[in-house]
Protein backbone atom coordinates (compact mmCIF):
# COMPACT_ATOMS: atom_id res chain seq x y z
CA MET A 1 27.75 108.07 134.68
CA PRO A 2 27.91 109.22 131.01
CA HIS A 3 31.24 109.40 129.28
CA PRO A 4 32.45 112.99 128.30
CA SER A 5 31.66 112.18 124.66
CA GLU A 6 28.08 111.10 125.32
CA ALA A 7 25.22 113.50 124.86
CA SER A 8 22.85 113.85 127.72
CA SER A 9 19.94 114.83 125.48
CA PHE A 10 16.86 112.72 124.85
CA PRO A 11 16.81 110.51 121.72
CA GLU A 12 14.48 112.84 119.95
CA MET A 13 16.94 115.76 120.54
CA SER A 14 19.26 114.72 117.74
CA LEU A 15 20.90 116.15 114.71
CA ALA A 16 17.47 115.63 113.01
CA THR A 17 16.31 118.80 114.93
CA PHE A 18 19.58 120.54 115.49
CA GLN A 19 21.94 121.75 112.86
CA PRO A 20 25.26 123.49 113.59
CA SER A 21 25.82 126.98 112.17
CA SER A 22 27.32 127.13 108.79
CA ARG A 23 29.49 130.14 110.00
CA ILE A 24 31.49 127.79 112.30
CA THR A 25 33.62 125.81 109.88
CA ARG A 26 36.01 122.95 110.71
CA GLN A 27 38.81 125.31 110.04
CA ILE A 28 37.61 127.74 112.63
CA ILE A 29 37.15 124.95 115.21
CA ARG A 30 40.68 123.74 114.41
CA TRP A 31 42.25 127.12 114.91
CA CYS A 32 40.36 127.64 118.19
CA LEU A 33 41.22 124.25 119.53
CA ASP A 34 44.94 124.64 118.45
CA ALA A 35 44.97 127.87 120.33
CA TYR A 36 43.38 126.30 123.49
CA PHE A 37 45.71 123.38 123.65
CA LYS A 38 48.73 125.52 123.08
CA HIS A 39 47.92 128.56 125.43
CA LYS A 40 45.04 127.74 127.64
CA TYR A 41 45.36 123.97 128.28
CA PRO A 42 48.32 124.56 130.57
CA LEU A 43 46.17 126.74 132.72
CA THR A 44 43.01 124.58 132.57
CA PRO A 45 43.88 121.04 131.43
CA ILE A 46 40.36 119.84 131.25
CA LEU A 47 39.84 118.60 127.64
CA HIS A 48 41.03 115.49 125.96
CA ARG A 49 41.91 116.40 122.42
CA GLU A 50 41.18 113.22 120.76
CA THR A 51 37.77 112.93 122.51
CA VAL A 52 36.75 116.50 121.44
CA GLU A 53 37.89 116.01 117.83
CA GLN A 54 36.72 112.42 117.15
CA THR A 55 33.37 112.29 118.76
CA PRO A 56 30.54 112.72 116.43
CA ILE A 57 28.87 116.23 116.72
CA SER A 58 25.79 116.30 119.05
CA PRO A 59 24.11 119.23 120.61
CA GLU A 60 25.98 118.67 123.86
CA LYS A 61 29.42 118.27 121.97
CA TYR A 62 28.61 121.34 119.84
CA GLY A 63 27.78 123.38 122.92
CA LEU A 64 31.20 122.55 124.45
CA ILE A 65 33.17 123.37 121.21
CA THR A 66 31.37 126.76 120.70
CA ALA A 67 31.94 127.75 124.36
CA CYS A 68 35.58 126.96 124.09
CA CYS A 69 35.72 128.97 120.89
CA ALA A 70 34.04 131.87 122.51
CA VAL A 71 36.77 132.06 125.18
CA ILE A 72 39.53 131.76 122.54
CA SER A 73 37.90 134.44 120.28
CA LEU A 74 38.36 136.94 123.04
CA SER A 75 42.08 136.41 122.90
CA PRO A 76 42.79 137.13 119.24
CA GLU A 77 46.47 137.39 119.86
CA ILE A 78 46.82 133.69 120.31
CA LEU A 79 44.92 132.81 117.16
CA PRO A 80 46.80 132.39 113.80
CA PRO A 81 46.84 135.48 111.63
CA VAL A 82 44.23 135.26 108.89
CA SER A 83 43.65 137.36 105.82
CA GLU A 84 40.12 138.32 106.66
CA PRO A 85 38.10 138.51 109.93
CA ILE A 86 36.26 135.24 109.46
CA ILE A 87 36.28 134.23 113.21
CA PRO A 88 32.77 134.96 114.55
CA SER A 89 32.38 137.02 117.72
CA ALA A 90 32.34 135.68 121.22
CA ASP A 91 28.64 136.74 121.43
CA PHE A 92 27.88 134.64 118.36
CA PHE A 93 29.68 131.58 119.75
CA ILE A 94 27.88 131.94 123.08
CA SER A 95 24.56 132.22 121.39
CA GLU A 96 25.29 128.93 119.52
CA THR A 97 26.19 127.26 122.74
CA LEU A 98 22.85 128.34 124.39
CA ARG A 99 20.95 127.35 121.17
CA ALA A 100 22.52 123.88 121.41
CA ARG A 101 21.69 123.55 125.07
CA GLN A 102 17.94 123.91 124.17
CA HIS A 103 18.20 120.51 122.67
CA CYS A 104 19.77 119.06 125.98
CA ASN A 105 18.24 118.30 129.38
CA LEU A 106 21.42 119.27 131.32
CA VAL A 107 19.30 119.65 134.66
CA GLU A 108 18.19 116.04 134.74
CA HIS A 109 21.03 114.63 132.84
CA PRO A 110 24.15 116.49 133.87
CA SER A 111 27.51 115.34 132.50
CA LEU A 112 31.24 116.20 132.54
CA THR A 113 30.74 117.75 129.07
CA HIS A 114 28.06 120.08 130.37
CA ILE A 115 30.19 121.03 133.34
CA GLN A 116 33.08 121.91 131.04
CA THR A 117 30.79 123.90 128.80
CA SER A 118 29.49 125.92 131.72
CA PHE A 119 33.05 126.61 132.79
CA PHE A 120 33.86 127.97 129.38
CA LEU A 121 30.72 130.15 129.39
CA TYR A 122 31.93 131.43 132.80
CA ALA A 123 35.32 132.18 131.39
CA ALA A 124 33.82 133.96 128.34
CA TYR A 125 31.52 136.16 130.33
CA PHE A 126 34.35 136.93 132.75
CA SER A 127 36.40 138.13 129.89
CA LEU A 128 33.40 140.25 128.66
CA ASP A 129 33.13 141.84 132.10
CA GLN A 130 29.65 140.57 132.53
CA ASP A 131 30.06 139.49 136.19
CA ASN A 132 26.48 138.32 136.84
CA SER A 133 26.53 135.97 133.90
CA ALA A 134 30.01 134.79 134.78
CA TRP A 135 28.87 133.99 138.34
CA TYR A 136 25.79 132.28 137.15
CA TYR A 137 27.69 129.86 134.94
CA LEU A 138 30.41 129.17 137.41
CA ARG A 139 27.68 128.37 139.96
CA GLU A 140 26.03 126.04 137.31
CA ALA A 141 29.20 124.20 136.77
CA ILE A 142 29.81 123.62 140.33
CA THR A 143 26.13 122.54 141.01
CA MET A 144 26.45 120.01 138.25
CA LEU A 145 29.70 118.76 139.66
CA GLN A 146 28.18 118.38 143.06
CA THR A 147 25.06 116.65 141.61
CA LEU A 148 27.35 114.01 140.10
CA ARG A 149 29.44 114.00 143.34
CA LEU A 150 32.66 114.39 141.27
CA HIS A 151 33.97 116.54 144.19
CA GLU A 152 34.07 113.37 146.40
CA GLU A 153 36.83 110.77 146.18
CA ASP A 154 34.51 107.83 146.89
CA THR A 155 32.76 108.56 143.51
CA TYR A 156 35.70 107.68 141.50
CA SER A 157 35.88 104.01 142.70
CA ASP A 158 32.70 103.56 140.69
CA ILE A 159 33.92 105.16 137.45
CA ASP A 160 35.28 102.57 135.04
CA ASP A 161 36.46 104.89 132.27
CA PRO A 162 39.95 106.13 133.20
CA PHE A 163 39.73 109.12 130.86
CA LEU A 164 36.35 110.21 132.48
CA ALA A 165 37.95 109.82 135.90
CA MET A 166 41.14 111.75 134.94
CA TYR A 167 39.33 114.82 133.38
CA ALA A 168 36.53 114.79 136.00
CA ARG A 169 39.15 115.10 138.79
CA ARG A 170 40.94 117.83 136.98
CA MET A 171 37.63 119.68 136.32
CA ALA A 172 36.82 119.55 140.04
CA TRP A 173 40.20 121.11 140.94
CA VAL A 174 39.82 123.68 138.17
CA LEU A 175 36.51 124.74 139.72
CA PHE A 176 38.03 124.72 143.21
CA ILE A 177 40.76 127.24 142.14
CA THR A 178 38.34 129.22 139.96
CA GLU A 179 35.63 129.72 142.74
CA ARG A 180 38.22 130.77 145.27
CA GLY A 181 39.94 133.19 142.89
CA TYR A 182 36.65 134.66 141.73
CA ALA A 183 35.23 134.97 145.35
CA LEU A 184 38.44 136.95 146.31
CA GLN A 185 38.12 139.10 143.23
CA ARG A 186 34.42 139.71 143.29
CA ASN A 187 33.43 139.37 147.03
CA ARG A 188 31.49 136.18 146.52
CA GLN A 189 30.94 133.24 148.84
CA VAL A 190 32.47 129.73 148.16
CA THR A 191 30.46 126.59 148.25
CA LEU A 192 32.74 123.86 146.86
CA GLN A 193 34.37 121.87 149.55
CA ILE A 194 36.43 119.05 148.03
CA THR A 195 37.32 115.73 149.62
CA LEU A 196 39.21 114.71 146.59
CA ASN A 197 42.75 113.59 146.01
CA VAL A 198 44.81 115.87 143.71
CA PRO A 199 45.58 114.54 140.19
CA MET A 200 48.34 111.83 140.05
CA VAL A 201 51.49 112.80 137.92
CA ASP A 202 53.65 110.34 136.19
CA PRO A 203 56.91 112.21 135.64
CA SER A 204 57.77 110.04 132.59
CA CYS A 205 54.53 110.83 130.73
CA SER A 206 54.31 113.65 128.19
CA GLY A 207 52.77 116.76 129.70
CA ALA A 208 53.91 115.99 133.17
CA GLU A 209 55.30 119.58 133.62
CA ILE A 210 51.82 120.98 132.92
CA LEU A 211 50.27 118.80 135.63
CA LEU A 212 53.01 119.59 138.05
CA GLY A 213 52.37 123.21 137.43
CA PHE A 214 48.73 122.62 137.99
CA LEU A 215 49.47 121.04 141.35
CA ASP A 216 51.36 124.04 142.38
CA LEU A 217 48.36 126.21 141.49
CA ILE A 218 46.18 124.06 143.59
CA SER A 219 48.59 124.34 146.49
CA LEU A 220 48.46 128.19 146.27
CA PHE A 221 44.74 128.23 146.75
CA ARG A 222 44.17 125.38 149.17
CA HIS A 223 45.21 127.54 151.99
CA PHE A 224 42.26 129.81 151.44
CA ASP A 225 39.18 128.27 153.07
CA ALA A 226 35.53 129.42 153.24
CA ASP A 227 36.07 131.18 156.65
CA PHE A 228 39.05 133.21 155.40
CA ILE A 229 37.31 134.26 152.32
CA ALA A 230 34.15 135.20 154.22
CA ASN A 231 36.08 137.17 156.73
CA ARG A 232 38.15 138.88 153.95
CA ASN A 233 34.96 139.80 152.02
CA SER A 234 33.19 141.14 154.97
CA SER A 235 32.73 144.99 155.27
CA THR A 236 33.67 144.59 158.90
CA PRO A 237 36.19 141.75 159.17
CA ALA A 238 35.85 139.83 162.40
CA ASN A 239 38.77 139.75 164.87
CA THR A 240 38.64 136.02 165.04
CA GLU A 241 41.48 135.54 162.51
CA ASP A 242 44.62 134.47 164.44
CA PRO A 243 47.53 136.86 163.58
CA GLY A 244 49.84 133.91 163.81
CA HIS A 245 47.80 132.16 161.15
CA LEU A 246 47.96 135.05 158.78
CA SER A 247 51.73 135.32 159.25
CA THR A 248 52.02 131.57 158.57
CA LEU A 249 49.97 131.92 155.52
CA GLN A 250 52.29 134.62 154.05
CA SER A 251 55.15 132.27 154.82
CA LEU A 252 53.43 129.41 152.93
CA LEU A 253 52.93 131.70 149.94
CA LYS A 254 56.51 132.76 150.02
CA TYR A 255 57.86 129.27 149.80
CA THR A 256 55.13 127.49 147.95
CA LEU A 257 56.84 127.73 144.56
CA PRO A 258 60.43 126.76 144.87
CA ASN A 259 61.00 126.41 141.17
CA VAL A 260 58.75 127.17 138.17
CA SER A 261 61.52 127.47 135.54
CA ASN A 262 60.55 123.94 134.03
CA TYR A 263 56.95 125.04 133.38
CA SER A 264 55.59 126.72 130.37
CA GLN A 265 55.75 130.43 130.28
CA VAL A 266 51.93 130.68 130.41
CA GLN A 267 52.00 128.67 133.59
CA GLN A 268 54.88 130.67 135.02
CA ALA A 269 53.04 133.92 134.57
CA ASP A 270 50.01 132.51 136.19
CA LEU A 271 51.70 131.00 139.20
CA LEU A 272 54.10 133.96 139.81
CA VAL A 273 51.40 136.59 139.54
CA SER A 274 48.78 134.60 141.45
CA ARG A 275 51.08 134.14 144.38
CA GLN A 276 52.04 137.91 144.52
CA TRP A 277 48.27 138.70 144.42
CA LEU A 278 47.39 136.26 147.17
CA LYS A 279 50.06 137.96 149.31
CA ILE A 280 48.34 141.26 148.69
CA ILE A 281 44.96 139.65 149.74
CA VAL A 282 46.46 138.49 153.02
CA TRP A 283 48.36 141.85 153.58
CA LYS A 284 45.13 143.78 153.14
CA LEU A 285 43.33 141.57 155.63
CA CYS A 286 46.16 142.23 158.08
CA ALA A 287 45.89 146.04 157.47
CA SER A 288 42.20 145.93 158.16
CA LYS A 289 42.96 144.22 161.53
CA THR A 290 45.87 146.78 162.33
CA LEU A 291 48.27 143.85 162.58
CA LEU A 292 50.96 145.71 160.44
CA SER A 293 53.90 147.65 161.68
CA SER A 294 56.28 150.15 160.01
CA THR A 295 59.07 148.69 162.19
CA CYS A 296 58.26 145.05 161.93
CA SER A 297 61.38 142.89 161.24
CA GLU A 298 59.23 140.34 159.43
CA ASP A 299 58.71 141.62 155.90
CA ALA A 300 55.44 139.93 155.33
CA MET A 301 53.80 141.70 158.41
CA SER A 302 55.37 145.04 157.55
CA LEU A 303 53.28 147.98 156.45
CA HIS A 304 55.56 148.24 153.39
CA TYR A 305 55.24 144.73 152.16
CA PRO A 306 53.40 145.74 148.92
CA VAL A 307 56.68 147.23 147.78
CA THR A 308 58.34 143.78 147.89
CA ILE A 309 55.22 142.12 146.32
CA ALA A 310 55.12 144.61 143.42
CA ARG A 311 58.83 144.04 142.72
CA GLY A 312 57.95 140.39 142.41
CA ILE A 313 55.37 141.21 139.68
CA VAL A 314 57.87 143.37 137.81
CA LEU A 315 60.45 140.55 137.93
CA ALA A 316 57.89 138.07 136.65
CA SER A 317 57.09 140.38 133.76
CA GLN A 318 60.68 140.39 132.80
CA LEU A 319 60.99 136.53 132.97
CA VAL A 320 57.93 135.72 130.77
CA SER A 321 56.80 136.99 127.46
CA THR A 322 54.03 139.43 126.71
CA GLN A 323 52.14 136.61 124.92
CA ALA A 324 52.40 134.40 128.02
CA PHE A 325 50.81 137.20 130.09
CA GLU A 326 48.06 137.85 127.58
CA ALA A 327 47.21 134.17 127.14
CA ASN A 328 46.11 134.29 130.83
CA GLY A 329 43.39 136.71 129.94
CA ILE A 330 41.76 139.46 132.00
CA GLY A 331 42.01 137.49 135.29
CA ILE A 332 45.83 138.06 135.51
CA LEU A 333 45.45 141.76 134.54
CA GLU A 334 43.24 142.31 137.40
CA LYS A 335 45.67 140.66 139.82
CA VAL A 336 48.47 142.93 138.58
CA PHE A 337 46.10 145.87 138.91
CA GLU A 338 45.21 145.05 142.47
CA VAL A 339 48.87 144.72 143.45
CA ALA A 340 49.62 148.05 141.74
CA CYS A 341 46.82 149.86 143.37
CA SER A 342 47.75 148.64 146.83
CA LEU A 343 51.25 149.95 146.25
CA ALA A 344 49.98 153.27 145.03
CA ASP A 345 47.63 153.59 147.95
CA LEU A 346 50.61 152.77 150.28
CA LEU A 347 52.85 155.26 148.77
CA SER A 348 50.25 157.99 149.00
CA LEU A 349 50.08 157.42 152.79
CA VAL A 350 53.70 156.67 153.73
CA PRO A 351 56.63 158.93 152.74
CA VAL A 352 58.96 157.21 150.38
CA GLY A 353 61.94 158.21 152.47
CA SER A 354 60.68 156.32 155.52
CA GLN A 355 60.48 153.01 153.75
CA GLY A 356 64.16 152.10 154.33
CA SER A 357 64.86 150.63 150.95
CA THR A 358 68.49 150.03 150.12
CA MET A 359 67.83 149.04 146.59
CA ASP A 360 68.61 151.17 143.52
CA VAL A 361 64.97 150.90 142.25
CA GLY A 362 62.82 152.77 144.64
CA PRO A 363 59.17 152.10 145.34
CA VAL A 364 57.96 154.95 143.01
CA ASP A 365 60.04 153.41 140.21
CA THR A 366 58.37 150.11 140.91
CA LEU A 367 55.01 151.63 140.67
CA MET A 368 55.89 153.21 137.30
CA GLU A 369 56.90 149.83 136.08
CA MET A 370 53.55 148.45 137.27
CA VAL A 371 51.85 151.20 135.18
CA LYS A 372 53.81 150.15 132.21
CA ILE A 373 53.01 146.46 132.57
CA VAL A 374 49.21 147.22 132.86
CA GLY A 375 49.36 149.60 129.95
CA SER A 376 51.40 147.33 127.53
CA ARG A 377 51.26 143.71 128.46
CA PHE A 378 47.49 143.38 127.95
CA GLY A 379 46.95 145.31 124.72
CA GLY A 380 46.38 148.41 126.80
CA SER A 381 43.49 148.02 129.13
CA TYR A 382 42.30 151.54 129.20
CA ARG A 383 39.83 151.17 132.07
CA HIS A 384 42.51 149.66 134.40
CA LEU A 385 45.22 151.89 133.08
CA ASN A 386 43.31 155.15 133.58
CA ILE A 387 42.47 154.34 137.19
CA LEU A 388 46.16 153.25 137.90
CA THR A 389 47.55 156.31 136.13
CA ASP A 390 45.48 158.55 138.27
CA LYS A 391 46.62 156.96 141.38
CA ALA A 392 50.26 157.05 140.28
CA ASN A 393 50.11 160.67 139.32
CA ARG A 394 48.62 161.61 142.69
CA CYS A 395 51.23 159.52 144.34
CA LEU A 396 54.06 161.28 142.50
CA LEU A 397 52.68 164.71 143.32
CA MET A 398 52.31 163.87 146.91
CA ASN A 399 55.89 162.54 147.20
CA ILE A 400 57.16 165.56 145.35
CA ASP A 401 55.42 167.74 147.90
CA ARG A 402 56.90 165.80 150.73
CA SER A 403 60.35 166.33 149.38
CA LEU A 404 60.12 170.05 149.15
CA PRO A 405 61.32 172.06 152.18
CA LEU A 406 58.60 173.69 154.20
CA PRO A 407 58.31 177.42 153.81
CA VAL A 408 59.94 179.45 156.44
CA ASP A 409 58.32 182.76 157.62
CA ASP A 410 60.35 185.83 158.70
CA GLU A 411 59.78 185.19 162.35
CA SER A 412 61.40 181.76 162.11
CA VAL A 413 64.39 183.18 160.22
CA ASP A 414 64.84 185.90 162.86
CA SER A 415 64.83 183.34 165.56
CA VAL A 416 67.80 181.40 164.13
CA GLU A 417 71.01 182.75 165.41
């Protein structure tokens, strides 16, 4: 199995026939790698910095670097300020990645580097809202992983290079999380079934907190198997899902993250928001099966659970910085947006007064806070903000109408003695 730094191209596919673009300077690469390891690595710890920086440039290596740069260029807020816009566009970085890949035979000679590159291409296209391309490269990364059998524990007994084994294992689990998250967001199927131990963490090593947070993220998504996702994504969900299992799933999500305060703020934002979003996913499946009740004593199986879930999002937004939210990219925005829309839909159907809240901050106030988060925490995503604002306005009008007394006609007045 090739080392991450080894090119999988044929001998004739060398620097003699491939030249990197002069627009991508060492300074630009340094800026992008600095931003990745500071802001993105805690979310996807899949690159070894020394390997990336010290390995001689090959088409395979160049493709990986430019794909990573494409992702970073779509988050300019995490790049250092520069006096002029010299960072190329994401589209240019992607075109360079694809040009480099023309000099590699990744089908016959897949490698961990190619898997990492495909993952970054997925992330870039996801941020660009090009779902078909994002899905294609996510599937490509998973296919190469499966071709090399890096999703199976037995494979790792034959890997002599400890760094290759370490980062291949992390890559497998990143793809596991990503495929499940993307399947739930975009109604896709999952194909990656892992028989792999989770990464080992030495608490005494530097960066242990990052890996502990990564393990917590794995634990959030491990509960969502292919059957659950297929049932959830079906237009007519089957009634085979055990109500007790769904209730247990909500309990697991509630107690999965006992303490995240030691993690980086980027990880805290990802973990806290992902957990609340997964709660909404389960709640919506329960709602589709009419398993919820307005009088249920168990909060997770209550019709009003989105109020509690949304309050968790608001609290998370107060605990972590705006930059920590934005470093997570469009994915976390969509999760916040889905929770907010679920709350707005609930409030448009259920009178606020019947929700039995004893808190000073009511459900409508929570919804308004969610609107502010979507509008301000991500540089103002107008598409999401406009949809959510329309929902919130309709919700406000409907609740105002409910609070007004019904008109009384003369006959009714006369009948009161």
